Amino acid sequence: MVADSYDVVVLGSGMAGLATVLAASERGLRPLLIEKSEKLGGGTTNPYGLIWIGDNHLARAAGYEDNRADVVR
């Protein structure tokens, strides 16, 4: 659905952009999200802050080996 006017225009579909669109929608506003690439972008697909959780079940299932001493070190 294309509208003639919008209450909020968001440039970029990173995490902040998507959160803004969601918040605007939940408040009854009409947001428009504009993204230049074919897929979602920004921090949604390329987060530059990483979280490492050592010795977890997913890493073990993928064949990675950690142990508590290595994680603590």
PDB file of N, CA and C in Angstrom:
ATOM      1  N   MET A   1       0.839  -1.169   0.000  1.00  0.00           N
ATOM      2  CA  MET A   1       0.000   0.000   0.000  1.00  0.00           C
ATOM      3  C   MET A   1       0.892   1.244   0.000  1.00  0.00           C
ATOM      4  N   VAL A   2       0.688   2.095  -0.955  1.00  0.00           N
ATOM      5  CA  VAL A   2       1.444   3.340  -1.034  1.00  0.00           C
ATOM      6  C   VAL A   2       0.529   4.480  -0.624  1.00  0.00           C
ATOM      7  N   ALA A   3       0.975   5.272   0.305  1.00  0.00           N
ATOM      8  CA  ALA A   3       0.183   6.410   0.771  1.00  0.00           C
ATOM      9  C   ALA A   3       0.757   7.686   0.192  1.00  0.00           C
ATOM     10  N   ASP A   4      -0.056   8.704   0.149  1.00  0.00           N
ATOM     11  CA  ASP A   4       0.394   9.998  -0.363  1.00  0.00           C
ATOM     12  C   ASP A   4       1.217  10.767   0.652  1.00  0.00           C
ATOM     13  N   SER A   5       1.008  10.489   1.918  1.00  0.00           N
ATOM     14  CA  SER A   5       1.761  11.199   2.945  1.00  0.00           C
ATOM     15  C   SER A   5       2.084  10.266   4.102  1.00  0.00           C
ATOM     16  N   TYR A   6       3.142  10.632   4.813  1.00  0.00           N
ATOM     17  CA  TYR A   6       3.616   9.832   5.940  1.00  0.00           C
ATOM     18  C   TYR A   6       3.891  10.759   7.114  1.00  0.00           C
ATOM     19  N   ASP A   7       3.776  10.203   8.301  1.00  0.00           N
ATOM     20  CA  ASP A   7       4.091  10.963   9.507  1.00  0.00           C
ATOM     21  C   ASP A   7       5.582  10.924   9.825  1.00  0.00           C
ATOM     22  N   VAL A   8       6.222   9.814   9.466  1.00  0.00           N
ATOM     23  CA  VAL A   8       7.631   9.598   9.779  1.00  0.00           C
ATOM     24  C   VAL A   8       8.299   9.000   8.552  1.00  0.00           C
ATOM     25  N   VAL A   9       9.446   9.546   8.170  1.00  0.00           N
ATOM     26  CA  VAL A   9      10.247   8.974   7.090  1.00  0.00           C
ATOM     27  C   VAL A   9      11.566   8.523   7.698  1.00  0.00           C
ATOM     28  N   VAL A  10      11.888   7.239   7.521  1.00  0.00           N
ATOM     29  CA  VAL A  10      13.097   6.654   8.096  1.00  0.00           C
ATOM     30  C   VAL A  10      14.020   6.246   6.954  1.00  0.00           C
ATOM     31  N   LEU A  11      15.261   6.711   7.021  1.00  0.00           N
ATOM     32  CA  LEU A  11      16.252   6.365   6.008  1.00  0.00           C
ATOM     33  C   LEU A  11      17.164   5.282   6.559  1.00  0.00           C
ATOM     34  N   GLY A  12      17.118   4.113   5.950  1.00  0.00           N
ATOM     35  CA  GLY A  12      17.974   3.016   6.359  1.00  0.00           C
ATOM     36  C   GLY A  12      17.260   2.000   7.218  1.00  0.00           C
ATOM     37  N   SER A  13      17.526   0.732   6.918  1.00  0.00           N
ATOM     38  CA  SER A  13      16.841  -0.356   7.615  1.00  0.00           C
ATOM     39  C   SER A  13      17.741  -1.057   8.611  1.00  0.00           C
ATOM     40  N   GLY A  14      18.621  -0.314   9.235  1.00  0.00           N
ATOM     41  CA  GLY A  14      19.407  -0.881  10.320  1.00  0.00           C
ATOM     42  C   GLY A  14      18.526  -1.075  11.540  1.00  0.00           C
ATOM     43  N   MET A  15      19.129  -1.481  12.636  1.00  0.00           N
ATOM     44  CA  MET A  15      18.347  -1.735  13.850  1.00  0.00           C
ATOM     45  C   MET A  15      17.593  -0.481  14.304  1.00  0.00           C
ATOM     46  N   ALA A  16      18.252   0.658  14.274  1.00  0.00           N
ATOM     47  CA  ALA A  16      17.594   1.894  14.713  1.00  0.00           C
ATOM     48  C   ALA A  16      16.437   2.259  13.789  1.00  0.00           C
ATOM     49  N   GLY A  17      16.648   2.093  12.491  1.00  0.00           N
ATOM     50  CA  GLY A  17      15.586   2.403  11.537  1.00  0.00           C
ATOM     51  C   GLY A  17      14.377   1.504  11.706  1.00  0.00           C
ATOM     52  N   LEU A  18      14.620   0.210  11.851  1.00  0.00           N
ATOM     53  CA  LEU A  18      13.511  -0.727  12.029  1.00  0.00           C
ATOM     54  C   LEU A  18      12.784  -0.492  13.346  1.00  0.00           C
ATOM     55  N   ALA A  19      13.534  -0.182  14.398  1.00  0.00           N
ATOM     56  CA  ALA A  19      12.909   0.105  15.694  1.00  0.00           C
ATOM     57  C   ALA A  19      12.060   1.367  15.603  1.00  0.00           C
ATOM     58  N   THR A  20      12.529   2.358  14.859  1.00  0.00           N
ATOM     59  CA  THR A  20      11.774   3.602  14.694  1.00  0.00           C
ATOM     60  C   THR A  20      10.473   3.359  13.950  1.00  0.00           C
ATOM     61  N   VAL A  21      10.538   2.566  12.892  1.00  0.00           N
ATOM     62  CA  VAL A  21       9.329   2.240  12.122  1.00  0.00           C
ATOM     63  C   VAL A  21       8.333   1.484  12.997  1.00  0.00           C
ATOM     64  N   LEU A  22       8.807   0.533  13.763  1.00  0.00           N
ATOM     65  CA  LEU A  22       7.932  -0.237  14.646  1.00  0.00           C
ATOM     66  C   LEU A  22       7.293   0.666  15.699  1.00  0.00           C
ATOM     67  N   ALA A  23       8.094   1.517  16.334  1.00  0.00           N
ATOM     68  CA  ALA A  23       7.569   2.414  17.367  1.00  0.00           C
ATOM     69  C   ALA A  23       6.544   3.373  16.776  1.00  0.00           C
ATOM     70  N   ALA A  24       6.821   3.898  15.601  1.00  0.00           N
ATOM     71  CA  ALA A  24       5.875   4.812  14.960  1.00  0.00           C
ATOM     72  C   ALA A  24       4.562   4.099  14.650  1.00  0.00           C
ATOM     73  N   SER A  25       4.657   2.883  14.124  1.00  0.00           N
ATOM     74  CA  SER A  25       3.445   2.104  13.808  1.00  0.00           C
ATOM     75  C   SER A  25       2.615   1.826  15.047  1.00  0.00           C
ATOM     76  N   GLU A  26       3.298   1.449  16.131  1.00  0.00           N
ATOM     77  CA  GLU A  26       2.581   1.140  17.364  1.00  0.00           C
ATOM     78  C   GLU A  26       1.873   2.362  17.944  1.00  0.00           C
ATOM     79  N   ARG A  27       2.330   3.538  17.591  1.00  0.00           N
ATOM     80  CA  ARG A  27       1.707   4.775  18.074  1.00  0.00           C
ATOM     81  C   ARG A  27       0.691   5.347  17.096  1.00  0.00           C
ATOM     82  N   GLY A  28       0.374   4.553  16.073  1.00  0.00           N
ATOM     83  CA  GLY A  28      -0.659   4.961  15.129  1.00  0.00           C
ATOM     84  C   GLY A  28      -0.175   5.907  14.043  1.00  0.00           C
ATOM     85  N   LEU A  29       1.136   6.071  13.922  1.00  0.00           N
ATOM     86  CA  LEU A  29       1.687   6.933  12.875  1.00  0.00           C
ATOM     87  C   LEU A  29       1.897   6.135  11.603  1.00  0.00           C
ATOM     88  N   ARG A  30       2.066   6.828  10.505  1.00  0.00           N
ATOM     89  CA  ARG A  30       2.297   6.178   9.210  1.00  0.00           C
ATOM     90  C   ARG A  30       3.756   6.354   8.819  1.00  0.00           C
ATOM     91  N   PRO A  31       4.583   5.343   9.074  1.00  0.00           N
ATOM     92  CA  PRO A  31       6.002   5.459   8.731  1.00  0.00           C
ATOM     93  C   PRO A  31       6.292   4.995   7.300  1.00  0.00           C
ATOM     94  N   LEU A  32       7.339   5.567   6.730  1.00  0.00           N
ATOM     95  CA  LEU A  32       7.861   5.128   5.446  1.00  0.00           C
ATOM     96  C   LEU A  32       9.328   4.787   5.661  1.00  0.00           C
ATOM     97  N   LEU A  33       9.705   3.560   5.327  1.00  0.00           N
ATOM     98  CA  LEU A  33      11.086   3.113   5.455  1.00  0.00           C
ATOM     99  C   LEU A  33      11.711   3.104   4.064  1.00  0.00           C
ATOM    100  N   ILE A  34      12.834   3.789   3.922  1.00  0.00           N
ATOM    101  CA  ILE A  34      13.543   3.833   2.648  1.00  0.00           C
ATOM    102  C   ILE A  34      14.906   3.186   2.830  1.00  0.00           C
ATOM    103  N   GLU A  35      15.178   2.175   2.023  1.00  0.00           N
ATOM    104  CA  GLU A  35      16.448   1.450   2.075  1.00  0.00           C
ATOM    105  C   GLU A  35      17.015   1.380   0.671  1.00  0.00           C
ATOM    106  N   LYS A  36      18.277   1.714   0.494  1.00  0.00           N
ATOM    107  CA  LYS A  36      18.869   1.752  -0.844  1.00  0.00           C
ATOM    108  C   LYS A  36      19.247   0.375  -1.389  1.00  0.00           C
ATOM    109  N   SER A  37      19.488  -0.595  -0.525  1.00  0.00           N
ATOM    110  CA  SER A  37      19.874  -1.917  -1.017  1.00  0.00           C
ATOM    111  C   SER A  37      18.666  -2.836  -1.112  1.00  0.00           C
ATOM    112  N   GLU A  38      18.893  -3.993  -1.712  1.00  0.00           N
ATOM    113  CA  GLU A  38      17.800  -4.947  -1.901  1.00  0.00           C
ATOM    114  C   GLU A  38      17.430  -5.685  -0.621  1.00  0.00           C
ATOM    115  N   LYS A  39      18.330  -5.701   0.345  1.00  0.00           N
ATOM    116  CA  LYS A  39      18.095  -6.417   1.599  1.00  0.00           C
ATOM    117  C   LYS A  39      18.169  -5.450   2.763  1.00  0.00           C
ATOM    118  N   LEU A  40      17.703  -5.907   3.921  1.00  0.00           N
ATOM    119  CA  LEU A  40      17.849  -5.105   5.125  1.00  0.00           C
ATOM    120  C   LEU A  40      19.316  -4.799   5.342  1.00  0.00           C
ATOM    121  N   GLY A  41      19.603  -3.629   5.851  1.00  0.00           N
ATOM    122  CA  GLY A  41      20.998  -3.229   5.953  1.00  0.00           C
ATOM    123  C   GLY A  41      21.390  -2.770   7.334  1.00  0.00           C
ATOM    124  N   GLY A  42      22.468  -2.033   7.385  1.00  0.00           N
ATOM    125  CA  GLY A  42      22.964  -1.480   8.639  1.00  0.00           C
ATOM    126  C   GLY A  42      23.318  -2.546   9.643  1.00  0.00           C
ATOM    127  N   GLY A  43      23.142  -2.209  10.911  1.00  0.00           N
ATOM    128  CA  GLY A  43      23.459  -3.128  11.990  1.00  0.00           C
ATOM    129  C   GLY A  43      22.607  -4.378  11.992  1.00  0.00           C
ATOM    130  N   THR A  44      21.526  -4.391  11.214  1.00  0.00           N
ATOM    131  CA  THR A  44      20.678  -5.573  11.140  1.00  0.00           C
ATOM    132  C   THR A  44      21.435  -6.742  10.514  1.00  0.00           C
ATOM    133  N   THR A  45      22.262  -6.455   9.519  1.00  0.00           N
ATOM    134  CA  THR A  45      22.998  -7.533   8.856  1.00  0.00           C
ATOM    135  C   THR A  45      24.492  -7.481   9.114  1.00  0.00           C
ATOM    136  N   ASN A  46      24.999  -6.354   9.532  1.00  0.00           N
ATOM    137  CA  ASN A  46      26.434  -6.202   9.773  1.00  0.00           C
ATOM    138  C   ASN A  46      26.696  -5.596  11.148  1.00  0.00           C
ATOM    139  N   PRO A  47      26.374  -6.318  12.201  1.00  0.00           N
ATOM    140  CA  PRO A  47      26.641  -5.749  13.511  1.00  0.00           C
ATOM    141  C   PRO A  47      28.142  -5.693  13.760  1.00  0.00           C
ATOM    142  N   TYR A  48      28.613  -4.562  14.215  1.00  0.00           N
ATOM    143  CA  TYR A  48      30.038  -4.409  14.436  1.00  0.00           C
ATOM    144  C   TYR A  48      30.415  -4.648  15.890  1.00  0.00           C
ATOM    145  N   GLY A  49      29.445  -4.750  16.750  1.00  0.00           N
ATOM    146  CA  GLY A  49      29.701  -5.152  18.123  1.00  0.00           C
ATOM    147  C   GLY A  49      29.397  -6.632  18.220  1.00  0.00           C
ATOM    148  N   LEU A  50      30.325  -7.402  18.689  1.00  0.00           N
ATOM    149  CA  LEU A  50      30.136  -8.844  18.742  1.00  0.00           C
ATOM    150  C   LEU A  50      30.072  -9.319  20.185  1.00  0.00           C
ATOM    151  N   ILE A  51      29.330 -10.366  20.394  1.00  0.00           N
ATOM    152  CA  ILE A  51      29.247 -10.989  21.713  1.00  0.00           C
ATOM    153  C   ILE A  51      29.802 -12.403  21.574  1.00  0.00           C
ATOM    154  N   TRP A  52      30.755 -12.738  22.427  1.00  0.00           N
ATOM    155  CA  TRP A  52      31.310 -14.077  22.405  1.00  0.00           C
ATOM    156  C   TRP A  52      30.935 -14.760  23.710  1.00  0.00           C
ATOM    157  N   ILE A  53      30.335 -15.918  23.596  1.00  0.00           N
ATOM    158  CA  ILE A  53      30.002 -16.727  24.762  1.00  0.00           C
ATOM    159  C   ILE A  53      30.739 -18.041  24.584  1.00  0.00           C
ATOM    160  N   GLY A  54      31.804 -18.193  25.335  1.00  0.00           N
ATOM    161  CA  GLY A  54      32.639 -19.375  25.184  1.00  0.00           C
ATOM    162  C   GLY A  54      31.991 -20.630  25.731  1.00  0.00           C
ATOM    163  N   ASP A  55      32.456 -21.748  25.216  1.00  0.00           N
ATOM    164  CA  ASP A  55      32.024 -23.069  25.654  1.00  0.00           C
ATOM    165  C   ASP A  55      30.502 -23.211  25.661  1.00  0.00           C
ATOM    166  N   ASN A  56      29.883 -22.879  24.537  1.00  0.00           N
ATOM    167  CA  ASN A  56      28.420 -23.005  24.458  1.00  0.00           C
ATOM    168  C   ASN A  56      28.027 -24.184  23.566  1.00  0.00           C
ATOM    169  N   HIS A  57      26.800 -24.615  23.715  1.00  0.00           N
ATOM    170  CA  HIS A  57      26.337 -25.812  23.009  1.00  0.00           C
ATOM    171  C   HIS A  57      26.328 -25.647  21.488  1.00  0.00           C
ATOM    172  N   LEU A  58      26.082 -24.434  20.983  1.00  0.00           N
ATOM    173  CA  LEU A  58      26.053 -24.232  19.536  1.00  0.00           C
ATOM    174  C   LEU A  58      27.455 -24.343  18.942  1.00  0.00           C
ATOM    175  N   ALA A  59      28.437 -23.768  19.626  1.00  0.00           N
ATOM    176  CA  ALA A  59      29.818 -23.867  19.157  1.00  0.00           C
ATOM    177  C   ALA A  59      30.283 -25.325  19.184  1.00  0.00           C
ATOM    178  N   ARG A  60      29.957 -26.030  20.263  1.00  0.00           N
ATOM    179  CA  ARG A  60      30.345 -27.446  20.350  1.00  0.00           C
ATOM    180  C   ARG A  60      29.715 -28.250  19.224  1.00  0.00           C
ATOM    181  N   ALA A  61      28.438 -27.984  18.921  1.00  0.00           N
ATOM    182  CA  ALA A  61      27.748 -28.701  17.846  1.00  0.00           C
ATOM    183  C   ALA A  61      28.380 -28.408  16.487  1.00  0.00           C
ATOM    184  N   ALA A  62      28.979 -27.218  16.343  1.00  0.00           N
ATOM    185  CA  ALA A  62      29.643 -26.848  15.090  1.00  0.00           C
ATOM    186  C   ALA A  62      31.092 -27.321  15.040  1.00  0.00           C
ATOM    187  N   GLY A  63      31.549 -27.985  16.110  1.00  0.00           N
ATOM    188  CA  GLY A  63      32.883 -28.538  16.118  1.00  0.00           C
ATOM    189  C   GLY A  63      33.947 -27.674  16.768  1.00  0.00           C
ATOM    190  N   TYR A  64      33.565 -26.548  17.349  1.00  0.00           N
ATOM    191  CA  TYR A  64      34.536 -25.702  18.050  1.00  0.00           C
ATOM    192  C   TYR A  64      34.764 -26.241  19.457  1.00  0.00           C
ATOM    193  N   GLU A  65      35.983 -26.128  19.931  1.00  0.00           N
ATOM    194  CA  GLU A  65      36.295 -26.610  21.265  1.00  0.00           C
ATOM    195  C   GLU A  65      36.772 -25.461  22.149  1.00  0.00           C
ATOM    196  N   ASP A  66      36.066 -25.210  23.202  1.00  0.00           N
ATOM    197  CA  ASP A  66      36.461 -24.283  24.256  1.00  0.00           C
ATOM    198  C   ASP A  66      36.402 -25.060  25.560  1.00  0.00           C
ATOM    199  N   ASN A  67      37.123 -24.601  26.529  1.00  0.00           N
ATOM    200  CA  ASN A  67      36.930 -25.140  27.862  1.00  0.00           C
ATOM    201  C   ASN A  67      36.931 -23.958  28.835  1.00  0.00           C
ATOM    202  N   ARG A  68      36.501 -24.200  30.039  1.00  0.00           N
ATOM    203  CA  ARG A  68      36.345 -23.115  30.997  1.00  0.00           C
ATOM    204  C   ARG A  68      37.643 -22.345  31.214  1.00  0.00           C
ATOM    205  N   ALA A  69      38.757 -23.049  31.304  1.00  0.00           N
ATOM    206  CA  ALA A  69      40.043 -22.381  31.533  1.00  0.00           C
ATOM    207  C   ALA A  69      40.389 -21.440  30.375  1.00  0.00           C
ATOM    208  N   ASP A  70      40.139 -21.888  29.140  1.00  0.00           N
ATOM    209  CA  ASP A  70      40.398 -21.022  27.982  1.00  0.00           C
ATOM    210  C   ASP A  70      39.491 -19.805  27.985  1.00  0.00           C
ATOM    211  N   VAL A  71      38.222 -20.015  28.333  1.00  0.00           N
ATOM    212  CA  VAL A  71      37.256 -18.919  28.354  1.00  0.00           C
ATOM    213  C   VAL A  71      37.659 -17.886  29.395  1.00  0.00           C
ATOM    214  N   VAL A  72      38.018 -18.326  30.578  1.00  0.00           N
ATOM    215  CA  VAL A  72      38.415 -17.409  31.665  1.00  0.00           C
ATOM    216  C   VAL A  72      39.690 -16.668  31.273  1.00  0.00           C
ATOM    217  N   ARG A  73      40.638 -17.376  30.669  1.00  0.00           N
ATOM    218  CA  ARG A  73      41.902 -16.754  30.272  1.00  0.00           C
ATOM    219  C   ARG A  73      41.647 -15.709  29.210  1.00  0.00           C
TER     220      ARG A  73
END
